[in-house]
Amino acid sequence: MSSTTSRPPVAGGDQPASPSPSRSRAGARARARSRSPLAGIGGQNLSLIGALVLVLALFGSLNGNYLSIANLQVIAEAATITGLLAVVQTVVIICGGLDISVGSQAGVASVVSAMAFTSAGANPFAGVAAAVGVGVVIGALNGVVIIYGRVNPTIATLAGLAAYKGLAQLLSDGRAQGYVLNDAFFVFLGRGKLAGLPVMVWMLIGVALAVHLLLKYTDIGRNVYAIGGNDTAARLAGININKYLVSVYALIGAVAAVAGILLTARTGSGQPTSGSEGLELKAITAAALGGCALKGGKGGIGGTLLAVALLGALENGLTVQGINSFWQNVAQGALLVVAVAVQQRRGGERAVGLPA
């Protein structure tokens, strides 16, 4: 005859503990936020939208022409090249890397596109193909140096910043090259419009949409996030990190080449440094403001584009008001510091030199 012994229920043992009222209220608030129509936008993007509206309203009140259609198109065109570089900078930062040489890469591509155009008998497609080819090569070279040379991405691309700038100056002898404003294709790229929007803006939209879809809906994108989030776990999961990083840097080179081609189309000649200098700071600032964690694994194209629009609106507003252009660099530097500081506080990272 078997016997069973009964024991009283113990709190936290046999019976589930009832949730506390404060935890229930917190859960209810979280569910309410998730049902909100603004939940999909994200707090970071909402902050950028608010800042953009504030900047537009401020400069619009100071100058009646600031919010005109013509000036808004000027802002969009001026932000296009920065936007292209910021989009691919977002990808490499998510992957746990960085590329400080994107501006110099665009300068090389600008010079190559104009020189190839001229040497091929004013063939614009020869100029485009040569520029993109060179861009892919020098971008992949950055990746090879980082992976197989075991060089920190910041140091490797800082070296690339100087080296590619020097290469552009050597190829062009330090002067603008070629003249493309007699060519219909380059004029269309630099000054044409489709459905009321500049062609340059459509190109930014196309590149940004393609990269967004790649990151969000493909295994490639998921692997990029995985590498930036935890490269050791990604390697153990079978992801070929070396191949991905070289490919990402090659992608940067290709898109930087497109930015260089647009720079040529916009200015009418190949520019070794003018127009491309400082683009790397703008691209990194836009990516950081857009929510990219500089340690990798976090970020998105939508936030980066909003940050590009904010920087473009601020820069144009300062110019329209006649404020010294040097203040634009001060503003960019300040925004970069603020963006990184906010990220570190949100991530709970310990401040340098202070106790945890």
Protein backbone atom coordinates (compact mmCIF):
# COMPACT_ATOMS: atom_id res chain seq x y z
CA MET A 1 0.00 0.00 0.00
CA SER A 2 1.50 3.23 -1.13
CA SER A 3 1.13 6.44 0.75
CA THR A 4 1.56 10.02 -0.33
CA THR A 5 2.52 12.95 1.77
CA SER A 6 1.07 16.34 1.16
CA ARG A 7 2.83 19.59 1.85
CA PRO A 8 1.49 23.08 1.90
CA PRO A 9 2.21 25.24 -1.10
CA VAL A 10 5.25 27.42 -0.69
CA ALA A 11 5.29 30.95 -2.02
CA GLY A 12 7.48 31.08 -5.09
CA GLY A 13 7.50 27.26 -5.32
CA ASP A 14 4.40 25.32 -6.36
CA GLN A 15 2.20 28.33 -6.98
CA PRO A 16 3.08 31.16 -9.37
CA ALA A 17 3.59 34.47 -7.68
CA SER A 18 1.11 37.11 -8.69
CA PRO A 19 2.67 40.06 -10.51
CA SER A 20 3.09 43.23 -8.52
CA PRO A 21 0.83 46.17 -9.36
CA SER A 22 3.80 48.27 -10.52
CA ARG A 23 4.96 45.52 -12.87
CA SER A 24 1.43 45.16 -14.26
CA ARG A 25 1.22 48.89 -14.91
CA ALA A 26 4.63 48.85 -16.62
CA GLY A 27 3.54 45.95 -18.81
CA ALA A 28 0.34 47.74 -19.72
CA ARG A 29 2.28 50.87 -20.69
CA ALA A 30 4.66 48.79 -22.83
CA ARG A 31 1.73 47.11 -24.61
CA ALA A 32 0.12 50.49 -25.18
CA ARG A 33 3.35 51.84 -26.68
CA SER A 34 3.63 48.82 -28.98
CA ARG A 35 0.08 49.45 -30.25
CA SER A 36 0.81 53.12 -30.90
CA PRO A 37 0.97 54.14 -34.58
CA LEU A 38 4.34 55.79 -33.82
CA ALA A 39 5.86 52.63 -32.31
CA GLY A 40 7.38 51.54 -35.61
CA ILE A 41 9.18 54.86 -36.07
CA GLY A 42 11.31 54.58 -32.93
CA GLY A 43 12.28 57.15 -30.34
CA GLN A 44 15.57 58.00 -32.08
CA ASN A 45 13.82 58.79 -35.36
CA LEU A 46 11.09 60.76 -33.62
CA SER A 47 13.79 62.90 -32.00
CA LEU A 48 15.39 63.51 -35.40
CA ILE A 49 12.04 64.41 -36.95
CA GLY A 50 11.40 66.87 -34.13
CA ALA A 51 14.84 68.42 -34.52
CA LEU A 52 14.39 68.69 -38.30
CA VAL A 53 11.01 70.40 -37.92
CA LEU A 54 12.53 72.79 -35.37
CA VAL A 55 15.43 73.70 -37.68
CA LEU A 56 13.10 74.22 -40.65
CA ALA A 57 10.75 76.37 -38.58
CA LEU A 58 13.60 78.43 -37.11
CA PHE A 59 15.33 79.29 -40.37
CA GLY A 60 11.99 79.60 -42.17
CA SER A 61 10.97 82.32 -39.72
CA LEU A 62 14.29 84.11 -40.21
CA ASN A 63 14.23 84.00 -44.01
CA GLY A 64 11.10 83.86 -46.12
CA ASN A 65 12.84 82.05 -49.00
CA TYR A 66 14.27 79.25 -46.85
CA LEU A 67 11.18 77.03 -47.15
CA SER A 68 10.63 77.75 -50.84
CA ILE A 69 10.52 74.78 -53.22
CA ALA A 70 13.67 76.02 -54.97
CA ASN A 71 15.68 76.20 -51.75
CA LEU A 72 14.40 72.83 -50.49
CA GLN A 73 15.63 71.31 -53.75
CA VAL A 74 19.00 72.96 -53.20
CA ILE A 75 19.14 71.37 -49.73
CA ALA A 76 18.23 67.97 -51.18
CA GLU A 77 20.83 68.16 -53.96
CA ALA A 78 23.58 69.31 -51.59
CA ALA A 79 22.77 66.48 -49.18
CA THR A 80 22.75 63.76 -51.84
CA ILE A 81 26.48 63.02 -51.95
CA THR A 82 26.72 63.05 -48.15
CA GLY A 83 23.65 60.82 -48.04
CA LEU A 84 25.14 58.19 -50.34
CA LEU A 85 28.29 57.98 -48.21
CA ALA A 86 26.29 57.98 -44.97
CA VAL A 87 24.17 55.04 -46.17
CA VAL A 88 27.19 52.80 -46.76
CA GLN A 89 28.90 54.17 -43.63
CA THR A 90 25.85 52.89 -41.77
CA VAL A 91 26.41 49.39 -43.15
CA VAL A 92 30.08 49.23 -42.17
CA ILE A 93 29.38 50.62 -38.68
CA ILE A 94 26.63 48.03 -38.14
CA CYS A 95 29.20 45.43 -39.17
CA GLY A 96 31.54 46.67 -36.44
CA GLY A 97 33.90 48.62 -38.70
CA LEU A 98 34.46 52.21 -39.79
CA ASP A 99 35.63 53.95 -42.97
CA ILE A 100 37.23 57.37 -42.62
CA SER A 101 38.44 57.35 -46.24
CA VAL A 102 35.08 57.67 -48.03
CA GLY A 103 35.61 61.33 -48.96
CA SER A 104 39.01 60.61 -50.51
CA GLN A 105 37.55 57.63 -52.37
CA ALA A 106 34.91 59.92 -53.87
CA GLY A 107 37.67 62.32 -54.93
CA VAL A 108 39.58 59.56 -56.72
CA ALA A 109 36.40 58.42 -58.47
CA SER A 110 35.59 61.98 -59.54
CA VAL A 111 39.00 62.42 -61.15
CA VAL A 112 38.94 58.97 -62.79
CA SER A 113 35.44 59.48 -64.20
CA ALA A 114 36.42 62.78 -65.88
CA MET A 115 39.78 61.54 -67.16
CA ALA A 116 38.30 58.30 -68.56
CA PHE A 117 35.47 60.31 -70.14
CA THR A 118 37.99 62.53 -71.93
CA SER A 119 40.41 59.78 -72.98
CA ALA A 120 37.57 57.62 -74.36
CA GLY A 121 36.45 60.35 -76.75
CA ALA A 122 33.79 61.93 -74.52
CA ASN A 123 32.17 58.58 -73.68
CA PRO A 124 30.28 59.02 -70.39
CA PHE A 125 29.77 55.30 -69.86
CA ALA A 126 33.52 54.72 -70.01
CA GLY A 127 33.92 57.34 -67.30
CA VAL A 128 31.24 55.74 -65.10
CA ALA A 129 32.61 52.20 -65.56
CA ALA A 130 36.19 53.26 -64.82
CA ALA A 131 35.18 55.16 -61.69
CA VAL A 132 33.06 52.34 -60.28
CA GLY A 133 35.77 49.78 -61.06
CA VAL A 134 38.43 51.83 -59.27
CA GLY A 135 36.04 52.41 -56.37
CA VAL A 136 35.43 48.69 -55.86
CA VAL A 137 39.18 47.96 -55.97
CA ILE A 138 40.23 50.59 -53.44
CA GLY A 139 37.27 49.79 -51.20
CA ALA A 140 38.13 46.08 -51.21
CA LEU A 141 41.77 47.03 -50.56
CA ASN A 142 40.69 48.66 -47.32
CA GLY A 143 38.97 45.43 -46.32
CA VAL A 144 42.01 43.30 -47.21
CA VAL A 145 44.33 45.53 -45.16
CA ILE A 146 41.97 45.34 -42.17
CA ILE A 147 41.38 41.57 -42.33
CA TYR A 148 44.64 40.11 -43.54
CA GLY A 149 46.95 42.88 -42.35
CA ARG A 150 45.24 42.76 -38.92
CA VAL A 151 45.03 46.56 -38.84
CA ASN A 152 42.40 48.38 -36.81
CA PRO A 153 39.66 49.74 -39.17
CA THR A 154 40.10 53.29 -37.88
CA ILE A 155 43.85 53.25 -38.51
CA ALA A 156 43.57 51.46 -41.86
CA THR A 157 41.00 53.86 -43.27
CA LEU A 158 42.75 56.88 -41.76
CA ALA A 159 45.76 55.79 -43.79
CA GLY A 160 43.43 55.40 -46.77
CA LEU A 161 42.15 58.94 -46.24
CA ALA A 162 45.67 60.29 -46.80
CA ALA A 163 46.70 57.77 -49.46
CA TYR A 164 43.62 58.13 -51.69
CA LYS A 165 43.70 61.91 -51.38
CA GLY A 166 47.32 61.79 -52.54
CA LEU A 167 46.37 59.40 -55.37
CA ALA A 168 43.67 61.79 -56.61
CA GLN A 169 46.15 64.66 -56.58
CA LEU A 170 48.81 62.60 -58.38
CA LEU A 171 46.38 61.51 -61.11
CA SER A 172 45.13 65.06 -61.65
CA ASP A 173 48.34 66.94 -60.90
CA GLY A 174 46.31 68.73 -58.23
CA ARG A 175 43.95 70.36 -60.76
CA ALA A 176 40.38 69.82 -61.90
CA GLN A 177 40.26 67.40 -64.82
CA GLY A 178 38.09 67.19 -67.91
CA TYR A 179 34.93 69.08 -68.77
CA VAL A 180 31.63 67.20 -68.83
CA LEU A 181 29.01 69.94 -69.06
CA ASN A 182 28.79 69.47 -72.82
CA ASP A 183 27.70 65.86 -72.31
CA ALA A 184 23.97 65.17 -72.06
CA PHE A 185 24.39 62.19 -69.72
CA PHE A 186 26.42 64.07 -67.11
CA VAL A 187 24.14 67.10 -67.38
CA PHE A 188 21.16 64.80 -66.78
CA LEU A 189 22.85 63.32 -63.69
CA GLY A 190 23.87 66.65 -62.24
CA ARG A 191 20.97 68.90 -63.21
CA GLY A 192 18.14 66.77 -64.57
CA LYS A 193 14.79 66.14 -62.87
CA LEU A 194 12.31 63.29 -62.80
CA ALA A 195 8.76 63.82 -61.48
CA GLY A 196 9.85 67.17 -60.07
CA LEU A 197 12.77 65.77 -58.07
CA PRO A 198 16.46 66.09 -59.03
CA VAL A 199 17.95 62.93 -60.54
CA MET A 200 20.62 62.99 -57.84
CA VAL A 201 17.94 62.69 -55.17
CA TRP A 202 16.33 59.74 -56.99
CA MET A 203 19.72 58.02 -57.04
CA LEU A 204 20.06 58.47 -53.28
CA ILE A 205 16.55 57.11 -52.76
CA GLY A 206 17.32 54.08 -54.95
CA VAL A 207 20.60 53.25 -53.19
CA ALA A 208 19.10 53.79 -49.73
CA LEU A 209 16.07 51.62 -50.50
CA ALA A 210 18.22 48.81 -51.91
CA VAL A 211 20.52 48.83 -48.86
CA HIS A 212 17.55 49.01 -46.47
CA LEU A 213 15.93 45.96 -48.08
CA LEU A 214 19.26 44.12 -48.04
CA LEU A 215 19.76 44.75 -44.33
CA LYS A 216 16.21 44.08 -43.20
CA TYR A 217 14.94 41.24 -45.36
CA THR A 218 17.90 39.09 -46.39
CA ASP A 219 20.24 36.63 -44.71
CA ILE A 220 23.11 38.90 -45.74
CA GLY A 221 21.65 41.74 -43.68
CA ARG A 222 21.01 39.52 -40.68
CA ASN A 223 24.59 38.27 -40.85
CA VAL A 224 25.90 41.84 -41.01
CA TYR A 225 24.03 42.66 -37.79
CA ALA A 226 25.26 39.42 -36.22
CA ILE A 227 28.91 40.20 -37.02
CA GLY A 228 28.64 43.66 -35.50
CA GLY A 229 26.73 42.44 -32.47
CA ASN A 230 29.06 39.57 -31.55
CA ASP A 231 31.71 38.51 -34.04
CA THR A 232 32.74 35.46 -31.98
CA ALA A 233 29.19 34.09 -31.95
CA ALA A 234 28.85 34.89 -35.66
CA ARG A 235 32.04 32.96 -36.43
CA LEU A 236 30.85 29.98 -34.39
CA ALA A 237 27.57 30.11 -36.31
CA GLY A 238 29.50 29.54 -39.52
CA ILE A 239 29.49 33.08 -40.93
CA ASN A 240 32.55 33.85 -43.05
CA ILE A 241 33.41 37.16 -41.40
CA ASN A 242 36.42 37.87 -43.62
CA LYS A 243 34.35 37.57 -46.79
CA TYR A 244 31.60 39.78 -45.40
CA LEU A 245 33.94 42.55 -44.28
CA VAL A 246 35.85 42.69 -47.57
CA SER A 247 32.51 42.74 -49.42
CA VAL A 248 31.17 45.55 -47.23
CA TYR A 249 34.26 47.69 -47.86
CA ALA A 250 34.00 46.95 -51.59
CA LEU A 251 30.38 48.13 -51.44
CA ILE A 252 31.56 51.35 -49.80
CA GLY A 253 34.04 51.85 -52.64
CA ALA A 254 31.34 51.31 -55.27
CA VAL A 255 28.90 53.77 -53.69
CA ALA A 256 31.69 56.27 -53.02
CA ALA A 257 32.45 56.04 -56.75
CA VAL A 258 28.81 56.88 -57.53
CA ALA A 259 29.13 59.88 -55.19
CA GLY A 260 32.31 60.90 -57.05
CA ILE A 261 30.55 60.62 -60.41
CA LEU A 262 27.74 62.85 -59.13
CA LEU A 263 30.35 65.29 -57.86
CA THR A 264 31.84 65.42 -61.37
CA ALA A 265 28.39 65.89 -62.91
CA ARG A 266 27.50 68.64 -60.45
CA THR A 267 30.72 70.64 -60.76
CA GLY A 268 31.38 69.92 -64.44
CA SER A 269 34.85 68.41 -63.96
CA GLY A 270 36.82 65.87 -61.96
CA GLN A 271 37.64 67.24 -58.51
CA PRO A 272 40.59 65.72 -56.61
CA THR A 273 39.74 67.36 -53.28
CA SER A 274 37.29 70.24 -53.75
CA GLY A 275 33.82 69.03 -52.90
CA SER A 276 34.96 65.73 -51.37
CA GLU A 277 37.02 67.00 -48.44
CA GLY A 278 35.19 66.64 -45.13
CA LEU A 279 32.58 64.23 -46.47
CA GLU A 280 33.84 61.47 -44.17
CA LEU A 281 33.01 63.54 -41.07
CA LYS A 282 29.54 64.32 -42.40
CA ALA A 283 28.89 60.65 -43.22
CA ILE A 284 30.00 59.40 -39.79
CA THR A 285 28.08 62.16 -38.02
CA ALA A 286 24.89 61.30 -39.94
CA ALA A 287 25.24 57.60 -39.18
CA ALA A 288 25.84 58.26 -35.47
CA LEU A 289 22.96 60.74 -35.24
CA GLY A 290 20.76 58.23 -37.05
CA GLY A 291 21.21 55.69 -34.28
CA CYS A 292 24.19 53.60 -35.33
CA ALA A 293 26.11 52.23 -32.35
CA LEU A 294 29.78 52.80 -33.10
CA LYS A 295 30.60 49.48 -31.45
CA GLY A 296 28.45 47.74 -34.09
CA GLY A 297 25.31 45.65 -34.32
CA LYS A 298 22.77 48.49 -34.27
CA GLY A 299 21.50 51.04 -36.76
CA GLY A 300 19.25 51.58 -39.75
CA ILE A 301 18.99 53.47 -43.02
CA GLY A 302 15.86 55.44 -42.07
CA GLY A 303 17.53 57.16 -39.13
CA THR A 304 20.63 57.91 -41.20
CA LEU A 305 18.58 59.62 -43.92
CA LEU A 306 16.76 61.73 -41.34
CA ALA A 307 20.13 62.76 -39.90
CA VAL A 308 21.39 63.64 -43.40
CA ALA A 309 18.31 65.82 -43.92
CA LEU A 310 18.88 67.50 -40.55
CA LEU A 311 22.54 68.24 -41.31
CA GLY A 312 21.64 69.52 -44.78
CA ALA A 313 18.90 71.80 -43.44
CA LEU A 314 21.21 73.15 -40.72
CA GLU A 315 24.08 73.77 -43.12
CA ASN A 316 21.87 75.53 -45.65
CA GLY A 317 20.21 77.61 -42.94
CA LEU A 318 23.56 78.83 -41.63
CA THR A 319 24.63 79.68 -45.20
CA VAL A 320 21.40 81.55 -45.97
CA GLN A 321 21.81 83.59 -42.77
CA GLY A 322 25.35 84.52 -43.82
CA ILE A 323 26.95 82.80 -40.84
CA ASN A 324 30.64 81.95 -41.25
CA SER A 325 30.98 78.52 -42.85
CA PHE A 326 33.56 77.53 -40.23
CA TRP A 327 30.70 77.33 -37.73
CA GLN A 328 29.27 74.47 -39.78
CA ASN A 329 32.28 72.35 -38.86
CA VAL A 330 31.85 73.32 -35.22
CA ALA A 331 28.19 72.27 -35.37
CA GLN A 332 29.02 68.94 -37.01
CA GLY A 333 31.65 68.14 -34.42
CA ALA A 334 29.31 69.05 -31.57
CA LEU A 335 26.51 66.92 -33.00
CA LEU A 336 28.85 63.92 -33.34
CA VAL A 337 29.91 64.21 -29.69
CA VAL A 338 26.28 64.56 -28.56
CA ALA A 339 25.20 61.54 -30.63
CA VAL A 340 27.93 59.30 -29.22
CA ALA A 341 27.32 60.52 -25.64
CA VAL A 342 23.59 59.75 -25.94
CA GLN A 343 24.35 56.28 -27.31
CA GLN A 344 26.69 55.47 -24.45
CA ARG A 345 24.18 56.57 -21.84
CA ARG A 346 21.39 54.57 -23.46
CA GLY A 347 23.63 51.53 -23.62
CA GLY A 348 24.69 51.91 -19.99
CA GLU A 349 28.38 52.13 -20.89
CA ARG A 350 30.75 53.32 -18.19
CA ALA A 351 32.26 56.74 -18.79
CA VAL A 352 36.02 56.76 -19.38
CA GLY A 353 37.95 57.43 -16.19
CA LEU A 354 34.90 57.24 -13.92
CA PRO A 355 33.91 54.40 -11.61
CA ALA A 356 31.10 52.11 -12.76
